[in-house]
């Protein structure tokens, strides 16, 4: 009998994926941990399909709303790399433009590699420039661009216990953070014991709504060709194998 195997990205925290691993074992599927080009799960011999897993909807929101480096900060870090490695042949502004400008219909990672290679830039400096691209856009965005430019079918699989099974369901999903209330500093009266009574306010008034998140997912589907699928945590292991055509 031929052993069936899948690949799992080594950046996945093993203890947070025990439910998936338990299902893999029960299905007699072995997995090997390694650094993947994009996503968290794929096949050893055919990486044309990759699955990027999210432990919940909040993680998906965090990836979409990732805080990015400012242009001024980016300029400073690029200048520091040029000084650190005593780089010549190209100008800091050339690297800045590759990283900062809109990357629609472009492949900035490849552009960085090409211009640096042709100018004899050491690999350590190239790696630092690549990390600045990640700071500018975020790991999630980099994965979307890698999949798009490499012809990979990327599926974002979002675990959740809130009954969301599709992007349509997201439109009706209410972010639990919008229902977290805390005391403000504004006193609106006193309790019977004489203690001040404070006005309640939302702790996260600007938390992303389900409608905004759904629209963002639809935009990404159109722009990058990524797919968004949803399931309950206990279904994730089977879902991954089904999407990869294993089992």
Protein backbone atom coordinates (compact mmCIF):
# COMPACT_ATOMS: atom_id res chain seq x y z
CA UNK A 1 0.00 0.00 0.00
CA UNK A 2 1.41 3.42 -0.97
CA UNK A 3 1.72 5.80 1.96
CA UNK A 4 -0.28 8.99 1.46
CA UNK A 5 1.41 12.18 2.57
CA UNK A 6 0.69 15.90 2.68
CA UNK A 7 2.94 18.84 3.49
CA UNK A 8 2.32 21.22 6.38
CA UNK A 9 4.05 24.60 6.63
CA UNK A 10 6.67 24.57 9.39
CA UNK A 11 5.44 27.96 10.64
CA UNK A 12 2.20 26.32 11.76
CA UNK A 13 2.17 25.99 15.54
CA UNK A 14 1.74 22.26 16.03
CA UNK A 15 -0.16 22.35 19.33
CA UNK A 16 -2.81 24.62 17.81
CA UNK A 17 -3.63 22.08 15.10
CA UNK A 18 -4.01 18.89 17.12
CA UNK A 19 -7.60 18.39 15.97
CA UNK A 20 -6.46 18.35 12.33
CA UNK A 21 -3.56 16.05 13.15
CA UNK A 22 -5.87 13.65 14.99
CA UNK A 23 -8.04 13.40 11.89
CA UNK A 24 -5.02 12.89 9.63
CA UNK A 25 -3.85 10.00 11.82
CA UNK A 26 -7.30 8.43 11.82
CA UNK A 27 -7.37 8.67 8.02
CA UNK A 28 -3.85 7.14 7.85
CA UNK A 29 -2.45 10.31 6.25
CA UNK A 30 1.08 11.30 7.11
CA UNK A 31 2.31 14.88 7.06
CA UNK A 32 5.75 16.35 6.72
CA UNK A 33 6.53 19.80 8.09
CA UNK A 34 8.52 22.07 5.77
CA UNK A 35 8.63 25.69 4.63
CA UNK A 36 5.95 26.13 1.97
CA UNK A 37 5.97 28.72 -0.80
CA UNK A 38 2.43 29.78 0.13
CA UNK A 39 -0.38 28.45 2.29
CA UNK A 40 -0.24 25.90 5.10
CA UNK A 41 -1.06 22.59 3.37
CA UNK A 42 -0.32 21.09 -0.04
CA UNK A 43 0.86 17.89 -1.73
CA UNK A 44 4.52 16.85 -2.09
CA UNK A 45 4.41 16.11 -5.83
CA UNK A 46 1.81 18.65 -6.92
CA UNK A 47 1.68 22.04 -5.24
CA UNK A 48 -0.78 23.56 -7.70
CA UNK A 49 -3.35 23.64 -4.88
CA UNK A 50 -2.46 25.21 -1.53
CA UNK A 51 -4.65 25.72 1.53
CA UNK A 52 -4.12 28.62 3.90
CA UNK A 53 -5.86 27.92 7.22
CA UNK A 54 -7.24 30.46 9.68
CA UNK A 55 -8.11 29.39 13.22
CA UNK A 56 -11.09 31.74 13.32
CA UNK A 57 -12.68 34.76 11.65
CA UNK A 58 -10.74 37.16 13.86
CA UNK A 59 -7.46 35.83 12.46
CA UNK A 60 -8.75 36.49 8.94
CA UNK A 61 -9.65 40.05 9.96
CA UNK A 62 -6.20 40.52 11.48
CA UNK A 63 -4.54 39.43 8.23
CA UNK A 64 -6.66 41.85 6.20
CA UNK A 65 -6.14 44.74 8.61
CA UNK A 66 -2.43 44.15 9.23
CA UNK A 67 -0.54 47.29 10.24
CA UNK A 68 2.00 48.15 7.59
CA UNK A 69 5.18 50.17 7.55
CA UNK A 70 4.97 53.84 6.52
CA UNK A 71 6.80 55.19 3.48
CA UNK A 72 9.16 57.21 5.68
CA UNK A 73 9.97 54.17 7.81
CA UNK A 74 10.50 52.13 4.66
CA UNK A 75 12.92 54.72 3.23
CA UNK A 76 14.91 54.71 6.47
CA UNK A 77 15.18 50.92 6.63
CA UNK A 78 16.24 50.69 2.99
CA UNK A 79 18.92 53.34 3.56
CA UNK A 80 20.16 51.39 6.60
CA UNK A 81 20.51 48.22 4.53
CA UNK A 82 22.48 50.09 1.85
CA UNK A 83 24.86 51.43 4.51
CA UNK A 84 25.10 48.09 6.32
CA UNK A 85 26.15 46.16 3.20
CA UNK A 86 27.88 49.07 1.43
CA UNK A 87 25.71 48.58 -1.64
CA UNK A 88 26.43 50.15 -5.01
CA UNK A 89 25.10 49.76 -8.56
CA UNK A 90 21.48 50.55 -7.70
CA UNK A 91 19.84 53.42 -5.86
CA UNK A 92 17.75 53.11 -2.68
CA UNK A 93 14.92 54.81 -4.58
CA UNK A 94 14.77 51.89 -7.03
CA UNK A 95 14.15 49.39 -4.23
CA UNK A 96 11.71 51.81 -2.60
CA UNK A 97 9.64 52.07 -5.77
CA UNK A 98 9.48 48.30 -6.22
CA UNK A 99 8.27 47.78 -2.66
CA UNK A 100 6.02 50.81 -2.25
CA UNK A 101 4.17 51.16 -5.55
CA UNK A 102 0.91 49.37 -6.30
CA UNK A 103 1.72 45.74 -7.08
CA UNK A 104 -1.34 44.96 -9.18
CA UNK A 105 -0.18 42.99 -12.24
CA UNK A 106 3.35 42.96 -10.82
CA UNK A 107 5.53 40.47 -8.92
CA UNK A 108 7.63 42.63 -6.55
CA UNK A 109 9.48 39.67 -5.01
CA UNK A 110 10.77 38.68 -8.44
CA UNK A 111 11.59 42.30 -9.30
CA UNK A 112 13.66 42.63 -6.13
CA UNK A 113 15.51 39.40 -6.88
CA UNK A 114 16.16 40.36 -10.52
CA UNK A 115 17.51 43.87 -9.92
CA UNK A 116 19.67 42.72 -7.01
CA UNK A 117 21.04 39.70 -8.88
CA UNK A 118 22.01 41.79 -11.90
CA UNK A 119 23.83 44.24 -9.64
CA UNK A 120 25.68 41.70 -7.51
CA UNK A 121 23.78 42.41 -4.30
CA UNK A 122 24.53 39.79 -1.59
CA UNK A 123 21.79 37.33 -0.65
CA UNK A 124 21.59 38.57 2.94
CA UNK A 125 20.71 42.06 1.71
CA UNK A 126 18.16 40.62 -0.76
CA UNK A 127 16.50 38.73 2.11
CA UNK A 128 16.21 41.94 4.10
CA UNK A 129 14.65 43.75 1.14
CA UNK A 130 12.16 40.90 0.78
CA UNK A 131 11.24 41.21 4.46
CA UNK A 132 10.56 44.91 3.92
CA UNK A 133 8.08 43.95 1.20
CA UNK A 134 6.34 41.79 3.80
CA UNK A 135 6.35 44.71 6.25
CA UNK A 136 4.81 46.87 3.56
CA UNK A 137 2.06 44.42 2.56
CA UNK A 138 1.86 41.67 5.19
CA UNK A 139 2.42 37.90 4.96
CA UNK A 140 -1.16 37.28 3.87
CA UNK A 141 -0.87 39.65 0.91
CA UNK A 142 2.46 38.12 -0.08
CA UNK A 143 0.82 34.70 -0.17
CA UNK A 144 -1.96 35.99 -2.40
CA UNK A 145 0.55 37.49 -4.83
CA UNK A 146 2.73 34.37 -4.84
CA UNK A 147 -0.24 32.17 -5.66
CA UNK A 148 -1.55 34.53 -8.34
CA UNK A 149 1.80 34.92 -10.09
CA UNK A 150 2.62 31.22 -9.90
CA UNK A 151 -0.72 29.86 -11.12
CA UNK A 152 -1.48 28.24 -7.76
CA UNK A 153 -5.07 27.65 -6.66
CA UNK A 154 -5.04 29.16 -3.17
CA UNK A 155 -7.92 28.33 -0.84
CA UNK A 156 -8.29 30.19 2.47
CA UNK A 157 -10.06 27.83 4.89
CA UNK A 158 -11.49 29.63 7.91
CA UNK A 159 -12.42 27.60 11.00
CA UNK A 160 -15.28 29.02 13.03
CA UNK A 161 -17.90 27.95 15.56
CA UNK A 162 -20.34 30.66 14.57
CA UNK A 163 -22.10 28.84 11.74
CA UNK A 164 -20.43 30.72 8.90
CA UNK A 165 -20.25 28.42 5.88
CA UNK A 166 -19.83 30.91 3.04
CA UNK A 167 -19.09 34.52 2.19
CA UNK A 168 -22.86 35.04 1.98
CA UNK A 169 -23.07 34.05 5.65
CA UNK A 170 -20.40 36.64 6.46
CA UNK A 171 -22.75 39.42 5.38
CA UNK A 172 -25.03 38.41 8.29
CA UNK A 173 -22.23 37.67 10.77
CA UNK A 174 -21.95 40.02 13.73
CA UNK A 175 -18.47 40.57 15.09
CA UNK A 176 -18.57 39.62 18.81
CA UNK A 177 -16.15 42.46 19.53
CA UNK A 178 -18.91 44.94 18.77
CA UNK A 179 -20.80 43.58 21.80
CA UNK A 180 -18.00 44.14 24.30
CA UNK A 181 -18.82 47.11 26.53
CA UNK A 182 -16.61 48.80 29.13
CA UNK A 183 -16.90 51.74 31.51
CA UNK A 184 -15.93 55.13 30.14
CA UNK A 185 -14.71 58.03 32.27
CA UNK A 186 -18.04 59.80 31.98
CA UNK A 187 -20.05 59.67 35.21
CA UNK A 188 -23.82 59.46 34.59
CA UNK A 189 -25.01 59.00 38.16
CA UNK A 190 -24.45 56.95 41.28
CA UNK A 191 -25.35 53.46 42.43
CA UNK A 192 -27.30 52.80 45.68
CA UNK A 193 -24.05 52.30 47.53
CA UNK A 194 -22.93 55.79 46.50
CA UNK A 195 -20.31 54.70 44.02
CA UNK A 196 -20.16 56.55 40.71
CA UNK A 197 -21.99 55.04 37.75
CA UNK A 198 -20.03 55.30 34.50
CA UNK A 199 -21.39 55.43 30.97
CA UNK A 200 -20.84 52.19 29.06
CA UNK A 201 -19.09 52.39 25.69
CA UNK A 202 -18.01 49.84 23.10
CA UNK A 203 -14.47 48.59 23.67
CA UNK A 204 -13.96 48.05 19.92
CA UNK A 205 -16.29 50.54 18.18
CA UNK A 206 -14.40 50.22 14.91
CA UNK A 207 -14.26 46.42 14.82
CA UNK A 208 -14.79 45.12 11.30
CA UNK A 209 -18.38 44.22 10.53
CA UNK A 210 -19.41 41.06 8.74
CA UNK A 211 -20.56 43.07 5.73
CA UNK A 212 -17.20 44.85 5.38
CA UNK A 213 -15.33 41.57 5.75
CA UNK A 214 -17.52 39.83 3.17
CA UNK A 215 -16.97 42.66 0.68
CA UNK A 216 -13.21 42.51 1.30
CA UNK A 217 -13.22 38.75 0.60
CA UNK A 218 -15.17 39.24 -2.63
CA UNK A 219 -12.71 41.93 -3.72
CA UNK A 220 -9.75 39.64 -3.05
CA UNK A 221 -11.41 36.81 -4.96
CA UNK A 222 -11.79 39.04 -8.01
CA UNK A 223 -8.34 40.63 -7.71
CA UNK A 224 -6.21 37.59 -6.84
CA UNK A 225 -8.31 34.54 -7.70
CA UNK A 226 -8.17 33.29 -4.10
CA UNK A 227 -11.08 31.23 -2.77
CA UNK A 228 -12.60 31.53 0.70
CA UNK A 229 -14.19 28.50 2.33
CA UNK A 230 -15.45 28.01 5.87
CA UNK A 231 -16.00 25.09 8.22
CA UNK A 232 -16.26 24.10 11.85
CA UNK A 233 -12.92 23.37 13.59
CA UNK A 234 -13.69 19.64 13.86
CA UNK A 235 -14.35 19.51 10.10
CA UNK A 236 -11.07 21.17 9.08
CA UNK A 237 -8.97 18.02 8.80
CA UNK A 238 -11.41 16.30 6.46
CA UNK A 239 -11.94 19.52 4.51
CA UNK A 240 -8.20 19.89 3.89
CA UNK A 241 -7.88 16.33 2.60
CA UNK A 242 -10.96 16.69 0.40
CA UNK A 243 -9.67 19.92 -1.15
CA UNK A 244 -6.30 18.30 -1.82
CA UNK A 245 -7.94 15.17 -3.25
CA UNK A 246 -6.40 12.89 -0.61
CA UNK A 247 -7.99 10.01 1.22
